[in-house]
Structures are given as structure tokens and as C-alpha cells.
Protein backbone atom coordinates (compact mmCIF):
# COMPACT_ATOMS: atom_id res chain seq x y z
CA MET A 1 8.66 -2.77 -21.31
CA SER A 2 10.88 -6.00 -22.18
CA LEU A 3 9.86 -9.30 -20.36
CA LEU A 4 12.18 -8.84 -17.35
CA SER A 5 10.53 -6.01 -16.40
CA ILE A 6 7.35 -6.76 -16.65
CA THR A 7 7.82 -10.08 -14.56
CA ILE A 8 9.60 -8.13 -11.89
CA VAL A 9 6.84 -5.63 -11.32
CA MET A 10 4.67 -8.83 -10.91
CA VAL A 11 7.22 -10.43 -8.68
CA VAL A 12 6.78 -7.22 -6.60
CA ALA A 13 3.02 -6.55 -6.92
CA PHE A 14 2.50 -10.28 -5.56
CA ALA A 15 5.02 -9.48 -2.68
CA VAL A 16 3.25 -6.13 -1.64
CA PHE A 17 0.22 -7.91 -1.89
CA GLY A 18 1.13 -11.02 0.24
CA ILE A 19 2.63 -8.80 2.75
CA PHE A 20 -0.22 -6.45 3.41
CA LEU A 21 -2.36 -9.61 3.67
CA MET A 22 -0.24 -10.79 6.46
CA GLY A 23 -0.25 -7.67 7.98
CA ARG A 24 -4.51 -7.13 7.93
CA GLY A 25 -4.25 -10.75 9.40
CA VAL A 26 -2.15 -9.96 12.05
CA ASN A 27 -3.91 -7.20 12.42
CA ASP A 28 -6.81 -9.35 12.40
CA LYS A 29 -6.10 -11.59 14.70
CA THR A 30 -5.22 -9.19 17.71
CA GLU A 31 -9.08 -7.87 17.06
CA ALA A 32 -10.36 -11.24 17.30
CA GLN A 33 -8.53 -12.14 20.57
CA THR A 34 -9.39 -8.33 21.76
CA ALA A 35 -12.76 -9.45 21.30
CA ALA A 36 -12.12 -13.46 22.63
CA ASP A 37 -10.56 -11.56 25.61
CA ALA A 38 -13.77 -9.16 26.56
CA ALA A 39 -16.19 -11.48 26.05
CA ALA A 40 -14.55 -14.06 28.42
CA LEU A 41 -14.11 -11.17 31.25
CA ALA A 42 -17.45 -10.00 30.73
CA GLY A 43 -18.95 -13.30 31.54
CA ALA A 44 -17.03 -13.51 34.23
CA GLN A 45 -17.69 -10.30 35.26
CA ASP A 46 -21.45 -11.13 34.79
CA LEU A 47 -21.49 -14.52 37.04
CA VAL A 48 -19.31 -12.39 40.03
CA GLY A 49 -22.88 -9.79 40.22
CA ASN A 50 -24.98 -13.58 40.26
CA VAL A 51 -22.42 -15.28 42.63
CA LYS A 52 -25.15 -14.90 45.65
CA THR A 53 -27.28 -16.86 43.42
CA LEU A 54 -25.12 -19.79 42.44
CA LEU A 55 -24.39 -20.19 46.36
CA GLN A 56 -27.98 -20.53 47.54
CA GLY A 57 -27.80 -23.46 45.12
CA LEU A 58 -26.00 -25.41 47.56
CA THR A 59 -27.86 -27.94 49.89
CA ASP A 60 -25.25 -30.14 50.63
CA LYS A 61 -21.50 -30.13 51.13
CA THR A 62 -21.28 -32.70 48.22
CA ASP A 63 -23.12 -30.47 45.62
CA LEU A 64 -20.02 -28.07 44.95
CA GLY A 65 -19.80 -29.13 41.25
CA GLY A 66 -23.73 -28.71 40.62
CA ILE A 67 -24.68 -25.55 41.44
CA GLY A 68 -24.69 -23.09 37.89
CA ASN A 69 -24.82 -23.53 34.13
CA CYS A 70 -22.66 -23.73 31.04
CA ASN A 71 -24.86 -20.77 29.47
CA ASP A 72 -24.33 -19.10 33.12
CA GLY A 73 -23.17 -15.24 31.92
CA LYS A 74 -23.29 -15.57 28.00
CA ALA A 75 -25.81 -13.18 27.28
CA ARG A 76 -23.04 -10.46 28.66
CA ALA A 77 -20.55 -12.59 26.84
CA SER A 78 -22.30 -12.44 23.78
CA ASP A 79 -22.99 -8.77 23.86
CA TYR A 80 -19.09 -7.92 23.94
CA ALA A 81 -17.98 -9.48 21.63
CA GLU A 82 -20.48 -7.64 19.41
CA LYS A 83 -19.24 -4.57 20.54
CA ASN A 84 -15.80 -5.45 19.06
CA GLY A 85 -16.89 -6.77 15.62
CA ALA A 86 -16.93 -10.41 16.66
CA SER A 87 -19.63 -12.95 16.71
CA LEU A 88 -19.43 -15.40 19.58
CA THR A 89 -19.41 -19.14 18.50
CA ASP A 90 -19.01 -20.70 21.68
CA TYR A 91 -19.34 -20.10 25.04
CA CYS A 92 -19.45 -22.26 28.89
CA PHE A 93 -18.91 -21.63 32.69
CA ASP A 94 -17.51 -24.15 34.36
CA SER A 95 -19.03 -23.84 37.89
CA ALA A 96 -16.80 -25.86 39.51
CA SER A 97 -13.28 -24.38 38.31
CA GLY A 98 -14.97 -20.83 38.58
CA GLU A 99 -14.10 -20.19 34.55
CA VAL A 100 -15.20 -18.74 31.57
CA SER A 101 -14.32 -19.80 28.04
CA VAL A 102 -15.27 -18.35 25.02
CA SER A 103 -15.05 -18.37 21.12
CA VAL A 104 -15.29 -15.95 18.39
CA THR A 105 -15.13 -15.40 15.38
CA LEU A 106 -14.64 -11.62 13.62
CA ASP A 107 -17.43 -10.13 11.29
CA HIS A 108 -15.29 -9.43 7.99
CA ASP A 109 -13.44 -11.74 5.99
CA VAL A 110 -9.12 -11.65 6.02
CA SER A 111 -9.71 -12.62 2.53
CA ALA A 112 -12.38 -14.13 0.44
CA ASP A 113 -9.46 -17.55 0.70
CA LEU A 114 -9.01 -17.28 4.56
CA GLY A 115 -11.77 -16.37 5.57
CA PRO A 116 -12.40 -14.42 9.32
CA ALA A 117 -10.06 -14.59 12.21
CA LYS A 118 -10.88 -16.18 15.25
CA ALA A 119 -9.67 -16.28 18.82
CA SER A 120 -10.64 -18.26 22.17
CA ALA A 121 -10.10 -17.02 25.80
CA THR A 122 -10.64 -18.19 29.45
CA ALA A 123 -11.45 -16.09 32.04
CA THR A 124 -12.12 -16.65 36.05
CA THR A 125 -14.57 -15.37 38.63
CA GLY A 126 -12.31 -15.92 41.18
CA LEU A 127 -14.44 -18.25 42.84
CA ASP A 128 -12.88 -21.55 42.35
CA LEU A 129 -15.17 -24.51 44.00
CA ASN A 130 -12.51 -27.35 43.80
CA ASP A 131 -10.10 -24.83 46.55
CA CYS A 132 -13.10 -24.12 48.85
CA HIS A 133 -13.53 -26.16 51.63
CA TRP A 134 -16.09 -26.08 54.27
CA ASP A 135 -15.21 -25.65 58.29
CA SER A 136 -14.67 -29.34 60.10
CA SER A 137 -18.23 -29.88 61.39
CA ASP A 138 -20.25 -32.46 59.50
CA THR A 139 -23.55 -32.63 59.01
CA PRO A 140 -25.99 -32.59 62.22
CA THR A 141 -27.34 -35.64 63.19
CA PRO A 142 -31.69 -36.34 63.11
CA PRO A 143 -32.87 -35.40 66.12
CA PRO A 144 -34.69 -38.53 68.34
CA THR A 145 -37.80 -39.53 67.59
CA GLU A 146 -40.61 -39.02 70.20
CA ALA A 147 -40.66 -42.62 72.47
CA PRO A 148 -44.14 -44.23 73.02
CA THR A 149 -44.94 -44.37 76.49
CA ALA A 150 -44.87 -47.65 78.17
CA THR A 151 -48.00 -48.62 80.66
CA ALA A 152 -48.22 -50.08 83.74
CA THR A 153 -47.29 -53.47 82.83
CA GLY A 154 -44.42 -52.25 81.28
CA THR A 155 -45.83 -52.54 77.45
CA PRO A 156 -45.22 -49.10 75.15
CA THR A 157 -48.03 -48.06 73.95
CA ALA A 158 -48.42 -45.78 70.69
CA SER A 159 -50.15 -42.55 71.61
CA ALA A 160 -53.34 -41.81 69.48
CA THR A 161 -52.07 -38.24 68.77
CA PRO A 162 -48.57 -38.33 68.29
CA THR A 163 -46.43 -35.58 70.26
CA GLU A 164 -45.42 -33.12 67.51
CA THR A 165 -41.54 -33.12 68.54
CA PRO A 166 -39.83 -29.55 68.31
CA SER A 167 -37.17 -28.64 64.97
CA PRO A 168 -34.01 -28.14 66.75
CA ASP A 169 -32.23 -24.92 66.98
CA PRO A 170 -30.41 -24.14 63.04
CA VAL A 171 -26.54 -25.32 62.87
CA PRO A 172 -24.31 -22.74 61.49
CA THR A 173 -21.05 -24.35 59.34
CA SER A 174 -19.54 -22.09 57.01
CA LEU A 175 -17.66 -22.83 53.32
CA THR A 176 -14.14 -20.94 52.63
CA CYS A 177 -12.98 -20.05 49.21
CA GLY A 178 -9.64 -18.57 49.61
CA GLU A 179 -10.53 -14.93 50.90
CA LEU A 180 -14.08 -15.21 50.42
CA VAL A 181 -15.80 -17.12 53.77
CA VAL A 182 -19.80 -17.66 52.92
CA ASN A 183 -21.93 -18.65 56.07
CA TYR A 184 -24.45 -20.76 55.87
CA LEU A 185 -27.31 -22.80 58.28
CA TRP A 186 -28.18 -26.20 58.99
CA LYS A 187 -31.80 -26.30 59.12
CA TRP A 188 -34.33 -28.91 59.75
CA ASP A 189 -37.19 -29.63 57.45
CA GLY A 190 -38.69 -32.50 59.51
CA THR A 191 -36.91 -35.18 57.17
CA ALA A 192 -33.49 -34.03 56.35
CA TRP A 193 -31.13 -31.53 57.25
CA ASN A 194 -30.87 -28.94 54.54
CA LEU A 195 -27.61 -25.90 53.92
CA THR A 196 -29.38 -21.85 53.88
CA LEU A 197 -26.94 -19.30 53.12
CA ASP A 198 -26.97 -16.91 56.13
CA GLY A 199 -26.85 -13.71 55.48
CA ASP A 200 -25.45 -11.86 52.54
CA VAL A 201 -22.11 -12.42 50.34
CA ASP A 202 -19.30 -10.27 50.41
CA THR A 203 -18.16 -10.59 47.04
CA ASP A 204 -15.21 -7.74 46.78
CA ASP A 205 -12.68 -10.17 47.45
CA LEU A 206 -12.94 -11.90 43.61
CA LYS A 207 -11.63 -10.15 40.91
CA PRO A 208 -12.09 -11.70 37.20
CA HIS A 209 -9.45 -11.81 35.48
CA LEU A 210 -7.93 -13.76 32.25
CA VAL A 211 -6.05 -16.74 32.64
CA GLY A 212 -4.03 -18.73 30.21
């Protein structure tokens, strides 16, 4: 075989190998993206199932961004990444936006030089607290304290055993997040008004889906 023939064979072989690696790289990138999408959706779906617990964490109207934890839903997201041949490398749930962000890495290399394919995805629970709003009612005012009784001379005197002031009735309010309406009650605990979830939370209108 001539030198030219050998050269042509080597060039063709390298070209075929390059095409093979390119095709495998594209395939692995697709697999990684599928794993990332599945993990993000799994985390978001898990959180929808626990939205009542999250909403129970609200104690006042300024606390919308304070419920939930970055790792909420992570275990289920990791399970779905593994089911798709990948490992979860990064995860966080943003309770304010209701979004789950994940990153995954496939469990095998494209090649010794290229390493494993990686991908990221974001899914929403459908509950965006940034778009939520309370009804127009303000926090109830504290109930009046018992006034001291006046003597015949007009000088107030404190009772030896203070009269217990009855607790005021709970005051209803509501939080609206798109189609989701959540009812609460303001309840007086003796020193301050606190929000308490009133009834169940209907999550049928929350549809987790990929974003971005």
C-alpha cells in the first residue's frame, strides 16, 4: 500500500472517529438534559404536594419570601436524576419565585478527554409568591386593655386581681396567588396577632412545568 493510500485511510479513520464522538456527545447531551428536566420537575411536583406545609409557615403578611428551604424537594429530584443515568450536582428551591433549579452530570464519560455531559434545568411549582397579594384588610389592632377602676374621689386604682380581658374573635383574611386562593385567620395570642391557615389548600390549579 502506498504512502498516499495509508494517509487517506488514516484521515478517513480520524474523520469517522470524530463523527462518532460528535454523535455520542450530542446523544449524551440530550440524555443529560432529559435527566435535568426530570429532576427539576420531580422536585417541583414534590413541593406542590407539600405546599400546605409551606403556607402554614406564614406568620405575618411580610413573610412571603421566608417560607420553605433551598433543599426542599431535593431527595425526589436526586432519585429522578439517578433513574435517568445521572447524578444531581446542584439543587435549590427558591420559595419566593416557586422555582426549582438543578444541575446534573451523566454517570459516564463521552470520552476520556471530554468527560461526562452536563445539563441544567428549572421548573416552577406554579406558586409564585412574588405575584401573590393579600386582601385589602390590615393587621387587626390590638384589643383594648382593661382600664383601672376609679374611686369615689376620682383617683384610679388598680384591681388586686386584674380582670382577664377576653380574647377577640379571629379575623379572616386571604392570600391570592393566581388561581390559588388561601384563607387565613388572624388570631390573638395574648400579645400579638398571628396568621393561621384556615381550612385546606386546594392545589389542583398548581401545574408544575419547565421554564426557560
